[in-house]
Amino acid sequence: KERREAQEKRERVREQNELLLIQGVGAAIALGEALTPE
């Protein structure tokens, strides 16, 4: 049970980190586009 909980916690942390990375990249792209005349 402890092993499964630890594994699930690692998976959640990994997914959260991936989501933050995607959001950060998306925000950077959006901000870059927002600076263009187009």
Full PDB file with SEQRES, HELIX, SHEET, SSBOND, CRYST1, ORIGX, SCALE, CONECT and MASTER records, all heavy atoms in Angstrom:
SEQRES   1 A   38  LYS GLU ARG ARG GLU ALA GLN GLU LYS ARG GLU ARG VAL          
SEQRES   2 A   38  ARG GLU GLN ASN GLU LEU LEU LEU ILE GLN GLY VAL GLY          
SEQRES   3 A   38  ALA ALA ILE ALA LEU GLY GLU ALA LEU THR PRO GLU              
HELIX    1 AA1 GLU A    2  ALA A   34  1                                  33    
CRYST1    1.000    1.000    1.000  90.00  90.00  90.00 P 1           1          
ORIGX1      1.000000  0.000000  0.000000        0.00000                         
ORIGX2      0.000000  1.000000  0.000000        0.00000                         
ORIGX3      0.000000  0.000000  1.000000        0.00000                         
SCALE1      1.000000  0.000000  0.000000        0.00000                         
SCALE2      0.000000  1.000000  0.000000        0.00000                         
SCALE3      0.000000  0.000000  1.000000        0.00000                         
ATOM      1  N   LYS A   1       0.830  -1.198   0.000  1.00  0.00           N  
ATOM      2  CA  LYS A   1       0.000   0.000   0.000  1.00  0.00           C  
ATOM      3  C   LYS A   1       0.869   1.255   0.000  1.00  0.00           C  
ATOM      4  O   LYS A   1       0.608   2.212  -0.755  1.00  0.00           O  
ATOM      5  CB  LYS A   1      -0.908   0.003   1.224  1.00  0.00           C  
ATOM      6  CG  LYS A   1      -1.849   1.201   1.277  1.00  0.00           C  
ATOM      7  CD  LYS A   1      -2.733   1.144   2.513  1.00  0.00           C  
ATOM      8  CE  LYS A   1      -3.637   2.357   2.587  1.00  0.00           C  
ATOM      9  NZ  LYS A   1      -4.477   2.346   3.802  1.00  0.00           N  
ATOM     10  N   GLU A   2       1.923   1.259   0.821  1.00  0.00           N  
ATOM     11  CA  GLU A   2       2.837   2.400   0.873  1.00  0.00           C  
ATOM     12  C   GLU A   2       3.542   2.584  -0.468  1.00  0.00           C  
ATOM     13  O   GLU A   2       3.728   3.712  -0.936  1.00  0.00           O  
ATOM     14  CB  GLU A   2       3.864   2.192   1.984  1.00  0.00           C  
ATOM     15  CG  GLU A   2       3.275   2.291   3.390  1.00  0.00           C  
ATOM     16  CD  GLU A   2       4.308   2.006   4.464  1.00  0.00           C  
ATOM     17  OE1 GLU A   2       5.482   1.730   4.099  1.00  0.00           O  
ATOM     18  OE2 GLU A   2       3.960   2.049   5.660  1.00  0.00           O  
ATOM     19  N   ARG A   3       3.917   1.447  -1.092  1.00  0.00           N  
ATOM     20  CA  ARG A   3       4.592   1.521  -2.389  1.00  0.00           C  
ATOM     21  C   ARG A   3       3.669   2.119  -3.450  1.00  0.00           C  
ATOM     22  O   ARG A   3       4.076   2.981  -4.232  1.00  0.00           O  
ATOM     23  CB  ARG A   3       5.044   0.128  -2.817  1.00  0.00           C  
ATOM     24  CG  ARG A   3       5.911   0.115  -4.077  1.00  0.00           C  
ATOM     25  CD  ARG A   3       6.097  -1.280  -4.605  1.00  0.00           C  
ATOM     26  NE  ARG A   3       4.843  -1.822  -5.089  1.00  0.00           N  
ATOM     27  CZ  ARG A   3       4.295  -1.490  -6.266  1.00  0.00           C  
ATOM     28  NH1 ARG A   3       4.902  -0.618  -7.064  1.00  0.00           N  
ATOM     29  NH2 ARG A   3       3.161  -2.024  -6.646  1.00  0.00           N  
ATOM     30  N   ARG A   4       2.391   1.656  -3.460  1.00  0.00           N  
ATOM     31  CA  ARG A   4       1.432   2.177  -4.431  1.00  0.00           C  
ATOM     32  C   ARG A   4       1.166   3.663  -4.204  1.00  0.00           C  
ATOM     33  O   ARG A   4       1.095   4.442  -5.152  1.00  0.00           O  
ATOM     34  CB  ARG A   4       0.115   1.402  -4.341  1.00  0.00           C  
ATOM     35  CG  ARG A   4       0.171  -0.008  -4.913  1.00  0.00           C  
ATOM     36  CD  ARG A   4      -1.243  -0.515  -5.191  1.00  0.00           C  
ATOM     37  NE  ARG A   4      -2.096  -0.412  -4.011  1.00  0.00           N  
ATOM     38  CZ  ARG A   4      -2.251  -1.380  -3.109  1.00  0.00           C  
ATOM     39  NH1 ARG A   4      -1.587  -2.535  -3.251  1.00  0.00           N  
ATOM     40  NH2 ARG A   4      -3.054  -1.221  -2.081  1.00  0.00           N  
ATOM     41  N   GLU A   5       1.012   4.051  -2.952  1.00  0.00           N  
ATOM     42  CA  GLU A   5       0.756   5.454  -2.646  1.00  0.00           C  
ATOM     43  C   GLU A   5       1.922   6.334  -3.051  1.00  0.00           C  
ATOM     44  O   GLU A   5       1.741   7.430  -3.579  1.00  0.00           O  
ATOM     45  CB  GLU A   5       0.457   5.611  -1.157  1.00  0.00           C  
ATOM     46  CG  GLU A   5      -0.901   5.037  -0.740  1.00  0.00           C  
ATOM     47  CD  GLU A   5      -1.135   5.146   0.752  1.00  0.00           C  
ATOM     48  OE1 GLU A   5      -0.165   5.457   1.487  1.00  0.00           O  
ATOM     49  OE2 GLU A   5      -2.282   4.921   1.195  1.00  0.00           O  
ATOM     50  N   ALA A   6       3.146   5.826  -2.805  1.00  0.00           N  
ATOM     51  CA  ALA A   6       4.336   6.585  -3.197  1.00  0.00           C  
ATOM     52  C   ALA A   6       4.423   6.710  -4.714  1.00  0.00           C  
ATOM     53  O   ALA A   6       4.754   7.781  -5.244  1.00  0.00           O  
ATOM     54  CB  ALA A   6       5.590   5.903  -2.653  1.00  0.00           C  
ATOM     55  N   GLN A   7       4.082   5.609  -5.420  1.00  0.00           N  
ATOM     56  CA  GLN A   7       4.108   5.634  -6.876  1.00  0.00           C  
ATOM     57  C   GLN A   7       3.064   6.596  -7.424  1.00  0.00           C  
ATOM     58  O   GLN A   7       3.329   7.370  -8.357  1.00  0.00           O  
ATOM     59  CB  GLN A   7       3.849   4.219  -7.425  1.00  0.00           C  
ATOM     60  CG  GLN A   7       3.825   4.118  -8.939  1.00  0.00           C  
ATOM     61  CD  GLN A   7       5.165   4.440  -9.570  1.00  0.00           C  
ATOM     62  OE1 GLN A   7       6.193   4.307  -8.911  1.00  0.00           O  
ATOM     63  NE2 GLN A   7       5.168   4.874 -10.816  1.00  0.00           N  
ATOM     64  N   GLU A   8       1.850   6.562  -6.834  1.00  0.00           N  
ATOM     65  CA  GLU A   8       0.788   7.471  -7.261  1.00  0.00           C  
ATOM     66  C   GLU A   8       1.177   8.924  -7.007  1.00  0.00           C  
ATOM     67  O   GLU A   8       0.896   9.806  -7.825  1.00  0.00           O  
ATOM     68  CB  GLU A   8      -0.507   7.137  -6.521  1.00  0.00           C  
ATOM     69  CG  GLU A   8      -1.130   5.814  -6.957  1.00  0.00           C  
ATOM     70  CD  GLU A   8      -2.303   5.423  -6.094  1.00  0.00           C  
ATOM     71  OE1 GLU A   8      -2.605   6.161  -5.122  1.00  0.00           O  
ATOM     72  OE2 GLU A   8      -2.914   4.376  -6.357  1.00  0.00           O  
ATOM     73  N   LYS A   9       1.843   9.167  -5.885  1.00  0.00           N  
ATOM     74  CA  LYS A   9       2.281  10.526  -5.568  1.00  0.00           C  
ATOM     75  C   LYS A   9       3.317  11.006  -6.577  1.00  0.00           C  
ATOM     76  O   LYS A   9       3.262  12.152  -7.052  1.00  0.00           O  
ATOM     77  CB  LYS A   9       2.865  10.579  -4.160  1.00  0.00           C  
ATOM     78  CG  LYS A   9       3.263  11.969  -3.715  1.00  0.00           C  
ATOM     79  CD  LYS A   9       3.758  11.980  -2.287  1.00  0.00           C  
ATOM     80  CE  LYS A   9       4.136  13.395  -1.849  1.00  0.00           C  
ATOM     81  NZ  LYS A   9       4.633  13.419  -0.446  1.00  0.00           N  
ATOM     82  N   ARG A  10       4.253  10.110  -6.936  1.00  0.00           N  
ATOM     83  CA  ARG A  10       5.260  10.476  -7.938  1.00  0.00           C  
ATOM     84  C   ARG A  10       4.605  10.773  -9.285  1.00  0.00           C  
ATOM     85  O   ARG A  10       4.996  11.707  -9.985  1.00  0.00           O  
ATOM     86  CB  ARG A  10       6.296   9.353  -8.076  1.00  0.00           C  
ATOM     87  CG  ARG A  10       7.266   9.245  -6.906  1.00  0.00           C  
ATOM     88  CD  ARG A  10       8.453   8.351  -7.257  1.00  0.00           C  
ATOM     89  NE  ARG A  10       8.036   6.978  -7.489  1.00  0.00           N  
ATOM     90  CZ  ARG A  10       7.966   6.042  -6.544  1.00  0.00           C  
ATOM     91  NH1 ARG A  10       8.266   6.363  -5.286  1.00  0.00           N  
ATOM     92  NH2 ARG A  10       7.590   4.818  -6.836  1.00  0.00           N  
ATOM     93  N   GLU A  11       3.577   9.962  -9.643  1.00  0.00           N  
ATOM     94  CA  GLU A  11       2.881  10.172 -10.907  1.00  0.00           C  
ATOM     95  C   GLU A  11       2.154  11.511 -10.919  1.00  0.00           C  
ATOM     96  O   GLU A  11       2.172  12.229 -11.920  1.00  0.00           O  
ATOM     97  CB  GLU A  11       1.881   9.037 -11.151  1.00  0.00           C  
ATOM     98  CG  GLU A  11       2.517   7.721 -11.555  1.00  0.00           C  
ATOM     99  CD  GLU A  11       3.227   7.823 -12.889  1.00  0.00           C  
ATOM    100  OE1 GLU A  11       2.686   8.473 -13.801  1.00  0.00           O  
ATOM    101  OE2 GLU A  11       4.325   7.270 -13.018  1.00  0.00           O  
ATOM    102  N   ARG A  12       1.509  11.849  -9.789  1.00  0.00           N  
ATOM    103  CA  ARG A  12       0.801  13.127  -9.708  1.00  0.00           C  
ATOM    104  C   ARG A  12       1.764  14.301  -9.824  1.00  0.00           C  
ATOM    105  O   ARG A  12       1.488  15.285 -10.516  1.00  0.00           O  
ATOM    106  CB  ARG A  12       0.024  13.219  -8.390  1.00  0.00           C  
ATOM    107  CG  ARG A  12      -1.225  12.362  -8.338  1.00  0.00           C  
ATOM    108  CD  ARG A  12      -2.130  12.791  -7.191  1.00  0.00           C  
ATOM    109  NE  ARG A  12      -1.493  12.655  -5.901  1.00  0.00           N  
ATOM    110  CZ  ARG A  12      -1.518  11.561  -5.158  1.00  0.00           C  
ATOM    111  NH1 ARG A  12      -2.160  10.485  -5.597  1.00  0.00           N  
ATOM    112  NH2 ARG A  12      -0.927  11.523  -3.981  1.00  0.00           N  
ATOM    113  N   VAL A  13       2.898  14.179  -9.147  1.00  0.00           N  
ATOM    114  CA  VAL A  13       3.903  15.243  -9.208  1.00  0.00           C  
ATOM    115  C   VAL A  13       4.430  15.391 -10.633  1.00  0.00           C  
ATOM    116  O   VAL A  13       4.589  16.509 -11.141  1.00  0.00           O  
ATOM    117  CB  VAL A  13       5.055  14.960  -8.230  1.00  0.00           C  
ATOM    118  CG1 VAL A  13       6.204  15.946  -8.452  1.00  0.00           C  
ATOM    119  CG2 VAL A  13       4.567  15.055  -6.788  1.00  0.00           C  
ATOM    120  N   ARG A  14       4.677  14.237 -11.288  1.00  0.00           N  
ATOM    121  CA  ARG A  14       5.176  14.277 -12.669  1.00  0.00           C  
ATOM    122  C   ARG A  14       4.148  14.930 -13.591  1.00  0.00           C  
ATOM    123  O   ARG A  14       4.502  15.767 -14.430  1.00  0.00           O  
ATOM    124  CB  ARG A  14       5.479  12.855 -13.152  1.00  0.00           C  
ATOM    125  CG  ARG A  14       6.034  12.797 -14.570  1.00  0.00           C  
ATOM    126  CD  ARG A  14       6.261  11.363 -15.008  1.00  0.00           C  
ATOM    127  NE  ARG A  14       5.032  10.603 -15.044  1.00  0.00           N  
ATOM    128  CZ  ARG A  14       4.122  10.682 -16.023  1.00  0.00           C  
ATOM    129  NH1 ARG A  14       4.344  11.497 -17.063  1.00  0.00           N  
ATOM    130  NH2 ARG A  14       3.035   9.962 -15.991  1.00  0.00           N  
ATOM    131  N   GLU A  15       2.870  14.546 -13.451  1.00  0.00           N  
ATOM    132  CA  GLU A  15       1.822  15.119 -14.287  1.00  0.00           C  
ATOM    133  C   GLU A  15       1.674  16.619 -14.043  1.00  0.00           C  
ATOM    134  O   GLU A  15       1.479  17.395 -14.981  1.00  0.00           O  
ATOM    135  CB  GLU A  15       0.494  14.406 -14.012  1.00  0.00           C  
ATOM    136  CG  GLU A  15       0.463  12.967 -14.508  1.00  0.00           C  
ATOM    137  CD  GLU A  15      -0.783  12.231 -14.071  1.00  0.00           C  
ATOM    138  OE1 GLU A  15      -1.617  12.840 -13.359  1.00  0.00           O  
ATOM    139  OE2 GLU A  15      -0.934  11.048 -14.423  1.00  0.00           O  
ATOM    140  N   GLN A  16       1.757  17.022 -12.765  1.00  0.00           N  
ATOM    141  CA  GLN A  16       1.663  18.444 -12.442  1.00  0.00           C  
ATOM    142  C   GLN A  16       2.827  19.225 -13.051  1.00  0.00           C  
ATOM    143  O   GLN A  16       2.642  20.326 -13.579  1.00  0.00           O  
ATOM    144  CB  GLN A  16       1.633  18.632 -10.925  1.00  0.00           C  
ATOM    145  CG  GLN A  16       0.339  18.154 -10.280  1.00  0.00           C  
ATOM    146  CD  GLN A  16       0.399  18.144  -8.768  1.00  0.00           C  
ATOM    147  OE1 GLN A  16       1.450  18.382  -8.176  1.00  0.00           O  
ATOM    148  NE2 GLN A  16      -0.724  17.868  -8.138  1.00  0.00           N  
ATOM    149  N   ASN A  17       4.023  18.628 -12.977  1.00  0.00           N  
ATOM    150  CA  ASN A  17       5.187  19.296 -13.559  1.00  0.00           C  
ATOM    151  C   ASN A  17       5.056  19.420 -15.072  1.00  0.00           C  
ATOM    152  O   ASN A  17       5.408  20.454 -15.661  1.00  0.00           O  
ATOM    153  CB  ASN A  17       6.459  18.526 -13.200  1.00  0.00           C  
ATOM    154  CG  ASN A  17       6.838  18.658 -11.736  1.00  0.00           C  
ATOM    155  OD1 ASN A  17       6.409  19.608 -11.067  1.00  0.00           O  
ATOM    156  ND2 ASN A  17       7.610  17.729 -11.221  1.00  0.00           N  
ATOM    157  N   GLU A  18       4.543  18.360 -15.706  1.00  0.00           N  
ATOM    158  CA  GLU A  18       4.344  18.409 -17.154  1.00  0.00           C  
ATOM    159  C   GLU A  18       3.313  19.466 -17.523  1.00  0.00           C  
ATOM    160  O   GLU A  18       3.483  20.196 -18.506  1.00  0.00           O  
ATOM    161  CB  GLU A  18       3.900  17.037 -17.662  1.00  0.00           C  
ATOM    162  CG  GLU A  18       4.999  15.983 -17.641  1.00  0.00           C  
ATOM    163  CD  GLU A  18       4.508  14.643 -18.151  1.00  0.00           C  
ATOM    164  OE1 GLU A  18       3.287  14.513 -18.389  1.00  0.00           O  
ATOM    165  OE2 GLU A  18       5.327  13.727 -18.308  1.00  0.00           O  
ATOM    166  N   LEU A  19       2.231  19.522 -16.729  1.00  0.00           N  
ATOM    167  CA  LEU A  19       1.191  20.515 -16.992  1.00  0.00           C  
ATOM    168  C   LEU A  19       1.732  21.930 -16.837  1.00  0.00           C  
ATOM    169  O   LEU A  19       1.443  22.814 -17.654  1.00  0.00           O  
ATOM    170  CB  LEU A  19       0.011  20.296 -16.040  1.00  0.00           C  
ATOM    171  CG  LEU A  19      -1.176  21.253 -16.189  1.00  0.00           C  
ATOM    172  CD1 LEU A  19      -1.753  21.163 -17.598  1.00  0.00           C  
ATOM    173  CD2 LEU A  19      -2.242  20.954 -15.157  1.00  0.00           C  
ATOM    174  N   LEU A  20       2.520  22.149 -15.789  1.00  0.00           N  
ATOM    175  CA  LEU A  20       3.111  23.474 -15.585  1.00  0.00           C  
ATOM    176  C   LEU A  20       4.046  23.834 -16.736  1.00  0.00           C  
ATOM    177  O   LEU A  20       4.078  24.987 -17.187  1.00  0.00           O  
ATOM    178  CB  LEU A  20       3.881  23.505 -14.255  1.00  0.00           C  
ATOM    179  CG  LEU A  20       3.024  23.500 -12.985  1.00  0.00           C  
ATOM    180  CD1 LEU A  20       3.909  23.336 -11.754  1.00  0.00           C  
ATOM    181  CD2 LEU A  20       2.213  24.783 -12.878  1.00  0.00           C  
ATOM    182  N   LEU A  21       4.789  22.841 -17.213  1.00  0.00           N  
ATOM    183  CA  LEU A  21       5.695  23.079 -18.337  1.00  0.00           C  
ATOM    184  C   LEU A  21       4.900  23.450 -19.588  1.00  0.00           C  
ATOM    185  O   LEU A  21       5.241  24.423 -20.285  1.00  0.00           O  
ATOM    186  CB  LEU A  21       6.533  21.832 -18.602  1.00  0.00           C  
ATOM    187  CG  LEU A  21       7.503  21.904 -19.793  1.00  0.00           C  
ATOM    188  CD1 LEU A  21       8.519  23.018 -19.581  1.00  0.00           C  
ATOM    189  CD2 LEU A  21       8.199  20.560 -19.999  1.00  0.00           C  
ATOM    190  N   ILE A  22       3.835  22.693 -19.863  1.00  0.00           N  
ATOM    191  CA  ILE A  22       3.001  22.968 -21.038  1.00  0.00           C  
ATOM    192  C   ILE A  22       2.368  24.353 -20.927  1.00  0.00           C  
ATOM    193  O   ILE A  22       2.350  25.119 -21.895  1.00  0.00           O  
ATOM    194  CB  ILE A  22       1.917  21.890 -21.184  1.00  0.00           C  
ATOM    195  CG1 ILE A  22       2.568  20.539 -21.538  1.00  0.00           C  
ATOM    196  CG2 ILE A  22       0.898  22.280 -22.246  1.00  0.00           C  
ATOM    197  CD1 ILE A  22       1.617  19.370 -21.472  1.00  0.00           C  
ATOM    198  N   GLN A  23       1.849  24.663 -19.736  1.00  0.00           N  
ATOM    199  CA  GLN A  23       1.235  25.964 -19.532  1.00  0.00           C  
ATOM    200  C   GLN A  23       2.258  27.091 -19.702  1.00  0.00           C  
ATOM    201  O   GLN A  23       1.950  28.135 -20.282  1.00  0.00           O  
ATOM    202  CB  GLN A  23       0.601  26.033 -18.146  1.00  0.00           C  
ATOM    203  CG  GLN A  23      -0.635  25.162 -17.991  1.00  0.00           C  
ATOM    204  CD  GLN A  23      -1.167  25.153 -16.574  1.00  0.00           C  
ATOM    205  OE1 GLN A  23      -0.444  25.419 -15.618  1.00  0.00           O  
ATOM    206  NE2 GLN A  23      -2.447  24.837 -16.425  1.00  0.00           N  
ATOM    207  N   GLY A  24       3.462  26.838 -19.199  1.00  0.00           N  
ATOM    208  CA  GLY A  24       4.506  27.853 -19.328  1.00  0.00           C  
ATOM    209  C   GLY A  24       4.892  28.087 -20.771  1.00  0.00           C  
ATOM    210  O   GLY A  24       5.031  29.236 -21.215  1.00  0.00           O  
ATOM    211  N   VAL A  25       5.037  26.991 -21.516  1.00  0.00           N  
ATOM    212  CA  VAL A  25       5.383  27.108 -22.936  1.00  0.00           C  
ATOM    213  C   VAL A  25       4.245  27.803 -23.691  1.00  0.00           C  
ATOM    214  O   VAL A  25       4.478  28.685 -24.524  1.00  0.00           O  
ATOM    215  CB  VAL A  25       5.657  25.720 -23.541  1.00  0.00           C  
ATOM    216  CG1 VAL A  25       5.802  25.809 -25.054  1.00  0.00           C  
ATOM    217  CG2 VAL A  25       6.919  25.120 -22.927  1.00  0.00           C  
ATOM    218  N   GLY A  26       2.994  27.390 -23.381  1.00  0.00           N  
ATOM    219  CA  GLY A  26       1.843  28.013 -24.032  1.00  0.00           C  
ATOM    220  C   GLY A  26       1.759  29.504 -23.749  1.00  0.00           C  
ATOM    221  O   GLY A  26       1.480  30.305 -24.646  1.00  0.00           O  
ATOM    222  N   ALA A  27       2.009  29.872 -22.482  1.00  0.00           N  
ATOM    223  CA  ALA A  27       1.968  31.285 -22.115  1.00  0.00           C  
ATOM    224  C   ALA A  27       3.064  32.069 -22.838  1.00  0.00           C  
ATOM    225  O   ALA A  27       2.834  33.190 -23.301  1.00  0.00           O  
ATOM    226  CB  ALA A  27       2.125  31.432 -20.605  1.00  0.00           C  
ATOM    227  N   ALA A  28       4.238  31.450 -22.943  1.00  0.00           N  
ATOM    228  CA  ALA A  28       5.345  32.119 -23.617  1.00  0.00           C  
ATOM    229  C   ALA A  28       5.021  32.353 -25.095  1.00  0.00           C  
ATOM    230  O   ALA A  28       5.269  33.424 -25.649  1.00  0.00           O  
ATOM    231  CB  ALA A  28       6.622  31.291 -23.480  1.00  0.00           C  
ATOM    232  N   ILE A  29       4.430  31.327 -25.737  1.00  0.00           N  
ATOM    233  CA  ILE A  29       4.061  31.457 -27.147  1.00  0.00           C  
ATOM    234  C   ILE A  29       2.988  32.529 -27.316  1.00  0.00           C  
ATOM    235  O   ILE A  29       3.052  33.372 -28.226  1.00  0.00           O  
ATOM    236  CB  ILE A  29       3.565  30.109 -27.701  1.00  0.00           C  
ATOM    237  CG1 ILE A  29       4.732  29.106 -27.738  1.00  0.00           C  
ATOM    238  CG2 ILE A  29       2.959  30.278 -29.092  1.00  0.00           C  
ATOM    239  CD1 ILE A  29       4.314  27.701 -28.103  1.00  0.00           C  
ATOM    240  N   ALA A  30       1.970  32.484 -26.422  1.00  0.00           N  
ATOM    241  CA  ALA A  30       0.876  33.456 -26.510  1.00  0.00           C  
ATOM    242  C   ALA A  30       1.385  34.881 -26.300  1.00  0.00           C  
ATOM    243  O   ALA A  30       0.991  35.805 -27.030  1.00  0.00           O  
ATOM    244  CB  ALA A  30      -0.198  33.122 -25.474  1.00  0.00           C  
ATOM    245  N   LEU A  31       2.264  35.055 -25.324  1.00  0.00           N  
ATOM    246  CA  LEU A  31       2.810  36.390 -25.074  1.00  0.00           C  
ATOM    247  C   LEU A  31       3.668  36.861 -26.243  1.00  0.00           C  
ATOM    248  O   LEU A  31       3.655  38.038 -26.606  1.00  0.00           O  
ATOM    249  CB  LEU A  31       3.629  36.384 -23.784  1.00  0.00           C  
ATOM    250  CG  LEU A  31       2.809  36.246 -22.491  1.00  0.00           C  
ATOM    251  CD1 LEU A  31       3.741  36.039 -21.295  1.00  0.00           C  
ATOM    252  CD2 LEU A  31       1.919  37.461 -22.270  1.00  0.00           C  
ATOM    253  N   GLY A  32       4.394  35.896 -26.828  1.00  0.00           N  
ATOM    254  CA  GLY A  32       5.201  36.253 -28.003  1.00  0.00           C  
ATOM    255  C   GLY A  32       4.331  36.698 -29.157  1.00  0.00           C  
ATOM    256  O   GLY A  32       4.635  37.684 -29.841  1.00  0.00           O  
ATOM    257  N   GLU A  33       3.221  35.977 -29.385  1.00  0.00           N  
ATOM    258  CA  GLU A  33       2.307  36.363 -30.458  1.00  0.00           C  
ATOM    259  C   GLU A  33       1.649  37.712 -30.162  1.00  0.00           C  
ATOM    260  O   GLU A  33       1.412  38.510 -31.072  1.00  0.00           O  
ATOM    261  CB  GLU A  33       1.233  35.288 -30.630  1.00  0.00           C  
ATOM    262  CG  GLU A  33       1.755  33.983 -31.227  1.00  0.00           C  
ATOM    263  CD  GLU A  33       0.649  32.972 -31.425  1.00  0.00           C  
ATOM    264  OE1 GLU A  33      -0.491  33.236 -30.965  1.00  0.00           O  
ATOM    265  OE2 GLU A  33       0.904  31.923 -32.033  1.00  0.00           O  
ATOM    266  N   ALA A  34       1.336  37.941 -28.886  1.00  0.00           N  
ATOM    267  CA  ALA A  34       0.656  39.182 -28.507  1.00  0.00           C  
ATOM    268  C   ALA A  34       1.522  40.415 -28.757  1.00  0.00           C  
ATOM    269  O   ALA A  34       0.996  41.532 -28.837  1.00  0.00           O  
ATOM    270  CB  ALA A  34       0.247  39.126 -27.039  1.00  0.00           C  
ATOM    271  N   LEU A  35       2.815  40.210 -28.889  1.00  0.00           N  
ATOM    272  CA  LEU A  35       3.722  41.334 -29.125  1.00  0.00           C  
ATOM    273  C   LEU A  35       3.835  41.692 -30.604  1.00  0.00           C  
ATOM    274  O   LEU A  35       4.442  42.704 -30.947  1.00  0.00           O  
ATOM    275  CB  LEU A  35       5.120  41.001 -28.574  1.00  0.00           C  
ATOM    276  CG  LEU A  35       5.226  40.830 -27.055  1.00  0.00           C  
ATOM    277  CD1 LEU A  35       6.623  40.340 -26.670  1.00  0.00           C  
ATOM    278  CD2 LEU A  35       4.911  42.145 -26.340  1.00  0.00           C  
ATOM    279  N   THR A  36       3.237  40.868 -31.461  1.00  0.00           N  
ATOM    280  CA  THR A  36       3.380  41.102 -32.905  1.00  0.00           C  
ATOM    281  C   THR A  36       2.302  42.044 -33.437  1.00  0.00           C  
ATOM    282  O   THR A  36       1.184  42.092 -32.914  1.00  0.00           O  
ATOM    283  CB  THR A  36       3.299  39.776 -33.673  1.00  0.00           C  
ATOM    284  OG1 THR A  36       1.989  39.212 -33.473  1.00  0.00           O  
ATOM    285  CG2 THR A  36       4.343  38.785 -33.176  1.00  0.00           C  
ATOM    286  N   PRO A  37       2.584  42.781 -34.485  1.00  0.00           N  
ATOM    287  CA  PRO A  37       1.571  43.653 -35.117  1.00  0.00           C  
ATOM    288  C   PRO A  37       0.391  42.847 -35.661  1.00  0.00           C  
ATOM    289  O   PRO A  37      -0.742  43.328 -35.670  1.00  0.00           O  
ATOM    290  CB  PRO A  37       2.341  44.335 -36.244  1.00  0.00           C  
ATOM    291  CG  PRO A  37       3.786  44.221 -35.865  1.00  0.00           C  
ATOM    292  CD  PRO A  37       3.913  42.935 -35.113  1.00  0.00           C  
ATOM    293  N   GLU A  38       0.669  41.616 -36.115  1.00  0.00           N  
ATOM    294  CA  GLU A  38      -0.393  40.769 -36.666  1.00  0.00           C  
ATOM    295  C   GLU A  38      -1.446  40.445 -35.600  1.00  0.00           C  
ATOM    296  O   GLU A  38      -2.647  40.440 -35.880  1.00  0.00           O  
ATOM    297  CB  GLU A  38       0.191  39.467 -37.225  1.00  0.00           C  
ATOM    298  CG  GLU A  38       1.062  39.632 -38.459  1.00  0.00           C  
ATOM    299  CD  GLU A  38       2.485  40.065 -38.124  1.00  0.00           C  
ATOM    300  OE1 GLU A  38       2.817  40.155 -36.920  1.00  0.00           O  
ATOM    301  OE2 GLU A  38       3.256  40.304 -39.071  1.00  0.00           O  
TER     302      GLU A  38                                                      
MASTER        0    0    0    1    0    0    0    6  301    1    0    3          
END                                                                             
